[in-house]
Structures are given as C-alpha cells and as structure tokens.
Amino acid sequence: MIVSFGAQKARALGLVESAKHLREAHARSKGLRWLLGQPRHLSLSLQAELSNASNACILARDARFALQPRSQGVFHFCKMDIDWDDLRLFLDVARLGGLSAATGTTRLSAATLGRRVTALEKQIGEPLFVRQQTGYRLTPVGEELLRRAEDVEAAMQSLTRWREGNLPDRIVRVSAGPWTSAFVSAHIGEIWTVDDGIRVELVTTTDRVDIGRRAADIGIRSERPTEQWLAGRQSGKVAHAIYSGRHLINGIAAGLFVGVTGEGANIASARWLRAHHGDRIAVRGNNTHSVRELVAAGAGLSIFPCFVGDSDPRLVRVAQPIPELETDQWIVTHHEERHSPPVRKVADRITALMRAHQPLFRGETPIR
C-alpha cells in the first residue's frame, strides 16, 4: 500500500498549531490520545480533526517523524530517526531495571544492550538512565521517553492484533519475583483460560515494577503498598528456610553454602545468608534458579522460600523456617484499575490460589 505522508503530516501540523488554547489540557495529558478522551472540551469537528491528526501521527512515525511537545504546550513535528526495535529494547531495560534482567526477554547480551542504549541516548541527546550497581534507574528524560514509548507500543500491539485477527485487546500484566512467577506459571490454568477473552503477561523481576505508571496491572509483593494510588489485599505469609540436596556430598558434606550474585543478591534471604554464613559461601550463582540447581547437585546449602524447597523432591529442609525472613504476601493493583473486569478476575484468582496453598507458603509441611 502506498501512502502519501506529506499531506497528512502538514495537515496534522496545522491542526495542532491551531489548538493553542488547549495548552492547559495538554499539561495533564500524554498527547493527542488524552485529548480524544476529553470530548467535553472539544467541538465535534475538532474531535474529528484531532482523530485524523492522531492517525497521521502513526503514519508520520513510520516516515521517521515524531510528534513532540514544545515547552509552551504546543505540538510540532521534528525529524527523529528512532527505530521501533530500539524503543522495544529501551522498554525492556526500563521495566526490568537493568541490562542483566533484559537479556532474558531480548535474547541479546548485556554488552549489546548497553551499546544500543548508549546509542539511543546519543540520538535523544540526553541520558536516559542513571547507572548504579543495583541496576538502571530512569532519569526524568528517560521517564518521559518511557511514557511515549508505551504509547507507541500500545499502537503497535493494536495494529498487530488487527492484522492477525481476533486476539483479545486486553492484556493483564502480572509482576512477581522469580519464585512466585514460577509458581503462578505452574498454576496458570487456575488463573487464566482461553475462554476468558483476555491475555496474561508475566513480568518476572526482583525489582519493584511501577504499577502507578502501568508497567504492570497486578503485582505480587512482600510488603503492603504505601502509595495512595495503589490498592492491596493480603493473601498470606511466606516462610524461608535452609535446604540442602538429598545426598551428603561435596559442599553439603563440608557444611558450605551456595550464594547468589547479581540482582538476586539484594533480596532479604541473600543478605541474611551473607550476614550469617558469608565466610562459608563457596559457590555462587547469578540467579535464584541456578542456585537451586547447585544445591540439588550437592554444591552446598542455601535458603529458599518454603513453597519452593518443600515442593522440590531433590531438596531437603534442614531446619525450621527462619523467623526474621518471614514476609507478608500482597496482591497489589492500581486503585483505578482494580474494578476493571479483566484485572479483577485475574487478581481474584491469584488471591484464591495463594490462600489455598498457604500451608505450603508458611512452611507447615513436615521436614523431610
């Protein structure tokens, strides 16, 4: 299909320049999409014109143009040669909080991701992240780009669904740590079915995903939410204990421990292990799942949530749960989204699942 971008682009430029009286509305918006949701402020003719301008923006993006706000609140077109693939990589790094976590979703090495992010920053002309040992934190410019990139992502997903046919539009994103995410995955049939008419996306990370910015719809967390825009309900408790492999060999026989490096090193159980047995950590893994494999193979002992250790026939709990590591478990949603039927349905099912398995989560199964 051949599309003439010039006419639509010029028309959109004239429309947005004529909308200067909407500056105050724009200050509260994410752009034309917000304006289209505020019909009480616009005449029917202007609504139609802005809809055409919004469509022109999508076409203009493919022609390497981007719609950006001027400081006084008026939109204008500027030449931006930003590739959608680069924006997708940026979204993964921003949502997961670092290069290491994003390697799993992008299938690129951390070095390659770092180069692509740096190249995007040079293209934008501003730093997008503050690099820290614990991960990547968005700068104000990065947060602004995240909001705009999510709008582009939503448009691209809508286009893909339209092209592919009848897949439902509503995606419910569920964020959780690696172990909880694995538990949810193993019980997906109790949380989602094809007949629900929705799609579910798991966001697995040890960092807290920003539900306020809609990086996830539901979060399974170890603390009660304190932000006023979040709502939460407690689904139970989670206990942790020391486990070994079933065979008294190698590091286990020597009383050594297996630690964790990378992002997982910041979780409470990893800090407790370093504080109490740091001098006896002989082997380390860079993620929680590799630590479990090392313990099962006899490399040493380590700490796991009881719902993980007691469910794995290769592991043996060697002591009672550690009181100071017991945490609450909360199902968290945005207060505006919690009554949305798809979000409420998935959140209700996750809550019921967690409560049904509370003896396992609290470590009340017998020591084997």
Protein backbone atom coordinates (compact mmCIF):
# COMPACT_ATOMS: atom_id res chain seq x y z
CA MET A 1 0.00 0.00 0.00
CA ILE A 2 1.38 3.42 -0.99
CA VAL A 3 0.62 6.22 1.45
CA SER A 4 1.35 9.92 0.96
CA PHE A 5 2.77 11.13 4.26
CA GLY A 6 3.40 14.75 3.28
CA ALA A 7 -0.20 15.92 3.07
CA GLN A 8 -1.31 14.25 6.27
CA LYS A 9 1.77 15.43 8.11
CA ALA A 10 1.26 19.02 7.02
CA ARG A 11 -2.40 18.85 7.91
CA ALA A 12 -1.63 17.47 11.37
CA LEU A 13 0.92 20.24 11.90
CA GLY A 14 -1.64 22.89 11.07
CA LEU A 15 -4.21 21.30 13.37
CA VAL A 16 -2.00 21.14 16.40
CA GLU A 17 -0.76 24.68 15.85
CA SER A 18 -4.40 25.82 15.83
CA ALA A 19 -5.01 24.09 19.17
CA LYS A 20 -3.00 26.52 21.33
CA HIS A 21 -5.99 27.13 23.56
CA LEU A 22 -5.65 23.51 24.77
CA ARG A 23 -2.28 24.13 26.47
CA GLU A 24 -3.62 23.56 29.97
CA ALA A 25 -5.25 20.31 28.92
CA HIS A 26 -2.03 19.14 27.30
CA ALA A 27 -0.09 19.74 30.53
CA ARG A 28 -2.20 16.94 32.06
CA SER A 29 -2.05 14.68 29.05
CA LYS A 30 0.14 12.23 27.21
CA GLY A 31 -0.75 13.84 23.91
CA LEU A 32 -3.50 13.55 21.35
CA ARG A 33 -4.76 10.30 22.81
CA TRP A 34 -5.68 12.07 26.08
CA LEU A 35 -7.40 14.89 24.21
CA LEU A 36 -9.52 12.39 22.31
CA GLY A 37 -10.74 11.07 25.66
CA GLN A 38 -11.96 14.53 26.78
CA PRO A 39 -14.93 15.27 24.46
CA ARG A 40 -16.40 17.86 26.83
CA HIS A 41 -13.52 20.20 25.99
CA LEU A 42 -13.77 19.85 22.21
CA SER A 43 -16.26 20.53 19.49
CA LEU A 44 -17.31 17.56 17.36
CA SER A 45 -15.45 18.97 14.38
CA LEU A 46 -12.25 19.45 16.35
CA GLN A 47 -12.57 15.92 17.79
CA ALA A 48 -12.73 14.56 14.26
CA GLU A 49 -9.78 16.68 13.16
CA LEU A 50 -7.69 15.53 16.12
CA SER A 51 -8.58 11.93 15.34
CA ASN A 52 -7.27 12.44 11.82
CA ALA A 53 -4.16 14.07 13.27
CA SER A 54 -3.65 11.10 15.57
CA ASN A 55 -3.81 8.75 12.60
CA ALA A 56 -1.38 10.99 10.76
CA CYS A 57 0.99 10.72 13.72
CA ILE A 58 1.14 6.94 13.31
CA LEU A 59 1.86 7.32 9.62
CA ALA A 60 4.38 10.06 10.31
CA ARG A 61 6.20 7.84 12.78
CA ASP A 62 6.80 5.30 10.05
CA ALA A 63 8.14 8.13 7.89
CA ARG A 64 10.75 8.83 10.63
CA PHE A 65 8.91 11.77 12.16
CA ALA A 66 7.89 12.04 15.81
CA LEU A 67 5.24 14.20 17.48
CA GLN A 68 6.77 16.10 20.40
CA PRO A 69 5.54 18.89 22.71
CA ARG A 70 7.14 22.30 22.78
CA SER A 71 7.79 23.82 26.18
CA GLN A 72 4.71 26.06 25.87
CA GLY A 73 2.43 23.06 25.31
CA VAL A 74 2.06 23.11 21.51
CA PHE A 75 2.84 20.05 19.43
CA HIS A 76 5.21 20.13 16.50
CA PHE A 77 6.85 17.64 14.18
CA CYS A 78 10.58 17.17 14.30
CA LYS A 79 12.86 14.79 12.43
CA MET A 80 13.61 11.76 14.62
CA ASP A 81 15.26 8.63 13.23
CA ILE A 82 14.35 6.33 16.13
CA ASP A 83 13.83 2.69 15.24
CA TRP A 84 10.97 0.76 16.87
CA ASP A 85 13.39 -2.07 17.72
CA ASP A 86 15.48 0.40 19.76
CA LEU A 87 12.38 1.56 21.61
CA ARG A 88 11.44 -2.05 22.42
CA LEU A 89 14.89 -2.66 23.88
CA PHE A 90 14.61 0.56 25.89
CA LEU A 91 11.22 -0.56 27.25
CA ASP A 92 12.62 -3.91 28.44
CA VAL A 93 15.62 -2.32 30.16
CA ALA A 94 13.44 0.38 31.75
CA ARG A 95 10.77 -2.04 33.01
CA LEU A 96 13.18 -4.67 34.29
CA GLY A 97 15.60 -2.19 35.81
CA GLY A 98 18.84 -3.21 34.15
CA LEU A 99 20.71 -4.95 31.37
CA SER A 100 21.06 -8.36 33.02
CA ALA A 101 17.32 -8.83 33.50
CA ALA A 102 16.58 -7.61 29.97
CA THR A 103 18.87 -10.21 28.39
CA GLY A 104 16.23 -12.85 29.04
CA THR A 105 13.45 -11.00 27.22
CA THR A 106 15.51 -9.51 24.39
CA ARG A 107 17.83 -12.51 23.82
CA LEU A 108 20.72 -10.08 23.46
CA SER A 109 23.87 -9.94 25.54
CA ALA A 110 24.27 -7.29 28.22
CA ALA A 111 27.12 -5.76 26.21
CA THR A 112 24.96 -5.46 23.10
CA LEU A 113 22.08 -3.99 25.08
CA GLY A 114 24.44 -1.48 26.68
CA ARG A 115 25.67 -0.32 23.28
CA ARG A 116 22.12 0.02 21.94
CA VAL A 117 21.01 2.02 24.98
CA THR A 118 24.04 4.31 24.73
CA ALA A 119 23.37 4.84 21.01
CA LEU A 120 19.74 5.75 21.78
CA GLU A 121 20.89 8.24 24.42
CA LYS A 122 23.19 9.88 21.89
CA GLN A 123 20.31 10.03 19.45
CA ILE A 124 18.00 11.64 22.01
CA GLY A 125 20.80 13.93 23.21
CA GLU A 126 20.14 13.25 26.90
CA PRO A 127 20.97 10.43 29.35
CA LEU A 128 18.03 8.06 29.82
CA PHE A 129 19.37 6.07 32.77
CA VAL A 130 21.41 6.55 35.91
CA ARG A 131 23.77 3.56 36.05
CA GLN A 132 24.03 2.02 39.53
CA GLN A 133 25.43 -1.21 40.91
CA THR A 134 21.91 -2.33 41.74
CA GLY A 135 20.60 -1.63 38.23
CA TYR A 136 19.44 1.13 35.91
CA ARG A 137 17.25 3.98 37.18
CA LEU A 138 15.38 6.23 34.74
CA THR A 139 16.27 9.91 34.50
CA PRO A 140 13.43 12.43 34.05
CA VAL A 141 14.06 12.32 30.29
CA GLY A 142 14.01 8.52 30.46
CA GLU A 143 10.67 8.57 32.29
CA GLU A 144 9.23 10.86 29.62
CA LEU A 145 10.50 8.59 26.86
CA LEU A 146 9.05 5.58 28.69
CA ARG A 147 5.58 7.12 28.67
CA ARG A 148 5.82 7.95 24.97
CA ALA A 149 7.34 4.59 24.07
CA GLU A 150 4.48 2.81 25.87
CA ASP A 151 2.01 4.77 23.74
CA VAL A 152 3.84 3.65 20.60
CA GLU A 153 3.93 0.07 21.93
CA ALA A 154 0.19 0.10 22.54
CA ALA A 155 -0.41 1.36 18.99
CA MET A 156 1.88 -1.28 17.51
CA GLN A 157 0.22 -4.06 19.52
CA SER A 158 -3.20 -2.88 18.41
CA LEU A 159 -2.04 -2.88 14.80
CA THR A 160 -0.61 -6.38 15.18
CA ARG A 161 -3.83 -7.70 16.71
CA TRP A 162 -5.84 -6.13 13.91
CA ARG A 163 -3.57 -7.71 11.32
CA GLU A 164 -3.58 -11.16 12.92
CA GLY A 165 -7.30 -11.38 13.54
CA ASN A 166 -9.37 -11.95 16.64
CA LEU A 167 -6.97 -11.98 19.60
CA PRO A 168 -8.43 -10.02 22.53
CA ASP A 169 -7.21 -6.48 23.11
CA ARG A 170 -6.88 -6.54 26.91
CA ILE A 171 -3.54 -7.70 28.30
CA VAL A 172 -3.27 -8.16 32.08
CA ARG A 173 0.36 -7.85 33.21
CA VAL A 174 1.32 -9.63 36.44
CA SER A 175 4.65 -8.77 38.08
CA ALA A 176 6.35 -11.04 40.60
CA GLY A 177 9.72 -12.29 41.75
CA PRO A 178 11.29 -15.32 40.05
CA TRP A 179 9.97 -17.93 42.50
CA THR A 180 6.44 -16.54 42.69
CA SER A 181 6.35 -16.10 38.94
CA ALA A 182 7.33 -19.76 38.52
CA PHE A 183 4.56 -20.79 40.94
CA VAL A 184 1.99 -18.75 39.03
CA SER A 185 3.21 -20.27 35.76
CA ALA A 186 2.80 -23.79 37.15
CA HIS A 187 -0.83 -22.96 38.09
CA ILE A 188 -1.75 -20.88 35.04
CA GLY A 189 -4.83 -23.00 34.43
CA GLU A 190 -6.27 -21.75 37.72
CA ILE A 191 -5.64 -18.13 36.76
CA TRP A 192 -6.40 -17.94 33.04
CA THR A 193 -8.30 -19.84 30.37
CA VAL A 194 -8.81 -19.19 26.67
CA ASP A 195 -12.49 -18.53 27.29
CA ASP A 196 -11.67 -15.51 29.50
CA GLY A 197 -11.19 -13.32 26.42
CA ILE A 198 -8.04 -11.72 27.81
CA ARG A 199 -4.30 -12.29 27.62
CA VAL A 200 -1.86 -12.57 30.52
CA GLU A 201 1.74 -11.38 30.55
CA LEU A 202 4.15 -12.27 33.36
CA VAL A 203 6.75 -9.64 34.28
CA THR A 204 9.42 -11.51 36.26
CA THR A 205 11.92 -9.38 38.17
CA THR A 206 13.41 -8.95 41.62
CA ASP A 207 12.82 -5.18 41.34
CA ARG A 208 9.54 -3.50 42.11
CA VAL A 209 7.61 -2.82 38.91
CA ASP A 210 5.90 0.58 38.77
CA ILE A 211 2.18 -0.19 38.76
CA GLY A 212 1.45 3.53 39.02
CA ARG A 213 2.90 4.00 35.54
CA ARG A 214 1.05 0.90 34.29
CA ALA A 215 4.22 -1.16 33.81
CA ALA A 216 2.05 -3.91 35.35
CA ASP A 217 -1.60 -4.27 36.29
CA ILE A 218 -1.09 -6.64 39.22
CA GLY A 219 1.92 -7.01 41.49
CA ILE A 220 2.59 -9.88 43.91
CA ARG A 221 4.66 -8.20 46.62
CA SER A 222 6.10 -8.92 50.05
CA GLU A 223 5.02 -5.58 51.54
CA ARG A 224 1.79 -3.68 51.92
CA PRO A 225 1.57 -0.88 49.32
CA THR A 226 2.01 2.60 50.77
CA GLU A 227 1.39 4.66 47.63
CA GLN A 228 -2.01 6.33 47.67
CA TRP A 229 -2.74 5.29 44.09
CA LEU A 230 -2.31 1.58 44.85
CA ALA A 231 -4.69 -0.87 46.47
CA GLY A 232 -3.69 -4.17 48.04
CA ARG A 233 -5.06 -7.23 49.79
CA GLN A 234 -3.03 -9.66 51.84
CA SER A 235 -3.04 -13.22 50.57
CA GLY A 236 -0.94 -14.77 53.33
CA LYS A 237 2.61 -15.29 54.61
CA VAL A 238 5.80 -16.65 53.06
CA ALA A 239 8.38 -18.53 55.15
CA HIS A 240 12.04 -19.22 54.29
CA ALA A 241 14.36 -21.99 55.49
CA ILE A 242 17.76 -23.59 54.81
CA TYR A 243 17.78 -26.50 52.36
CA SER A 244 20.33 -28.99 51.11
CA GLY A 245 20.40 -31.58 48.38
CA ARG A 246 19.36 -35.14 49.25
CA HIS A 247 22.89 -36.55 49.16
CA LEU A 248 25.58 -35.75 51.72
CA ILE A 249 28.29 -34.99 49.17
CA ASN A 250 30.75 -32.30 48.14
CA GLY A 251 29.94 -28.85 49.57
CA ILE A 252 26.97 -30.14 51.54
CA ALA A 253 29.17 -32.66 53.38
CA ALA A 254 31.63 -29.85 54.17
CA GLY A 255 28.89 -27.57 55.50
CA LEU A 256 29.41 -24.96 52.79
CA PHE A 257 26.79 -22.65 51.28
CA VAL A 258 25.69 -21.53 47.83
CA GLY A 259 25.15 -17.77 47.43
CA VAL A 260 23.66 -15.60 44.73
CA THR A 261 25.15 -12.68 42.81
CA GLY A 262 23.64 -10.06 40.52
CA GLU A 263 20.15 -8.67 41.04
CA GLY A 264 19.14 -11.55 43.32
CA ALA A 265 21.88 -10.59 45.79
CA ASN A 266 19.70 -7.74 47.08
CA ILE A 267 16.78 -9.85 48.29
CA ALA A 268 16.40 -10.31 52.05
CA SER A 269 17.30 -14.03 52.14
CA ALA A 270 20.55 -13.40 50.23
CA ARG A 271 21.51 -10.61 52.63
CA TRP A 272 20.72 -12.85 55.64
CA LEU A 273 22.88 -15.63 54.23
CA ARG A 274 25.83 -13.26 53.72
CA ALA A 275 25.43 -11.85 57.24
CA HIS A 276 25.26 -15.24 58.99
CA HIS A 277 27.27 -17.60 56.77
CA GLY A 278 29.18 -15.32 54.39
CA ASP A 279 32.53 -16.87 55.29
CA ARG A 280 31.26 -20.30 54.24
CA ILE A 281 29.85 -19.40 50.82
CA ALA A 282 31.95 -21.43 48.38
CA VAL A 283 29.85 -21.32 45.20
CA ARG A 284 27.59 -18.63 43.77
CA GLY A 285 25.01 -18.45 41.02
CA ASN A 286 23.82 -15.31 39.27
CA ASN A 287 20.10 -16.12 39.57
CA THR A 288 17.88 -17.95 42.03
CA HIS A 289 17.13 -20.88 39.74
CA SER A 290 20.82 -21.66 39.17
CA VAL A 291 21.30 -21.61 42.96
CA ARG A 292 18.62 -24.27 43.32
CA GLU A 293 20.31 -26.45 40.71
CA LEU A 294 23.65 -26.08 42.51
CA VAL A 295 22.14 -27.07 45.86
CA ALA A 296 20.35 -30.06 44.33
CA ALA A 297 23.67 -31.18 42.81
CA GLY A 298 25.45 -31.05 46.17
CA ALA A 299 27.41 -27.80 45.89
CA GLY A 300 26.20 -26.62 49.30
CA LEU A 301 23.24 -25.44 51.34
CA SER A 302 21.17 -22.33 50.70
CA ILE A 303 17.97 -20.50 51.64
CA PHE A 304 14.75 -20.87 49.67
CA PRO A 305 11.12 -19.93 50.22
CA CYS A 306 9.42 -22.95 51.76
CA PHE A 307 6.93 -23.19 48.91
CA VAL A 308 9.94 -23.72 46.64
CA GLY A 309 12.09 -26.01 48.77
CA ASP A 310 9.24 -28.19 50.04
CA SER A 311 7.91 -28.66 46.51
CA ASP A 312 11.21 -29.86 45.05
CA PRO A 313 11.84 -33.58 45.72
CA ARG A 314 15.57 -33.02 45.21
CA LEU A 315 15.80 -30.72 48.24
CA VAL A 316 15.62 -31.37 51.99
CA ARG A 317 14.80 -28.76 54.62
CA VAL A 318 17.45 -28.99 57.34
CA ALA A 319 16.00 -26.56 59.90
CA GLN A 320 12.81 -24.79 60.89
CA PRO A 321 11.84 -21.60 58.98
CA ILE A 322 13.88 -18.51 59.84
CA PRO A 323 11.52 -16.15 61.75
CA GLU A 324 13.14 -12.89 60.63
CA LEU A 325 12.75 -13.87 56.96
CA GLU A 326 9.00 -14.45 57.10
CA THR A 327 7.22 -11.92 54.87
CA ASP A 328 3.67 -10.96 54.04
CA GLN A 329 2.29 -11.53 50.59
CA TRP A 330 0.16 -8.83 48.98
CA ILE A 331 -1.77 -8.70 45.71
CA VAL A 332 -1.41 -5.10 44.55
CA THR A 333 -3.32 -3.22 41.83
CA HIS A 334 -3.80 0.37 40.74
CA HIS A 335 -6.83 1.79 42.54
CA GLU A 336 -8.36 2.91 39.22
CA GLU A 337 -7.84 -0.48 37.57
CA ARG A 338 -8.85 -2.82 40.40
CA HIS A 339 -12.52 -2.71 39.33
CA SER A 340 -11.71 -3.40 35.67
CA PRO A 341 -13.30 -6.82 34.98
CA PRO A 342 -10.15 -8.40 33.42
CA VAL A 343 -7.84 -7.14 36.18
CA ARG A 344 -10.30 -8.03 38.94
CA LYS A 345 -10.80 -11.52 37.53
CA VAL A 346 -7.08 -12.31 37.40
CA ALA A 347 -6.38 -10.67 40.79
CA ASP A 348 -9.21 -12.61 42.45
CA ARG A 349 -7.91 -15.89 41.05
CA ILE A 350 -4.32 -15.21 42.12
CA THR A 351 -5.51 -14.33 45.62
CA ALA A 352 -7.57 -17.52 45.82
CA LEU A 353 -4.62 -19.58 44.56
CA MET A 354 -2.22 -18.17 47.13
CA ARG A 355 -4.67 -18.58 50.01
CA ALA A 356 -5.43 -22.16 49.01
CA HIS A 357 -1.72 -23.01 49.25
CA GLN A 358 -0.99 -21.16 52.49
CA PRO A 359 0.25 -24.23 54.42
CA LEU A 360 2.91 -24.66 51.74
CA PHE A 361 3.82 -20.96 51.72
CA ARG A 362 4.02 -20.80 55.53
CA GLY A 363 6.31 -23.84 55.67
CA GLU A 364 3.83 -26.01 57.57
CA THR A 365 4.65 -29.17 55.64
CA PRO A 366 6.73 -31.71 57.61
CA ILE A 367 10.53 -31.58 57.37
CA ARG A 368 11.51 -34.46 55.09
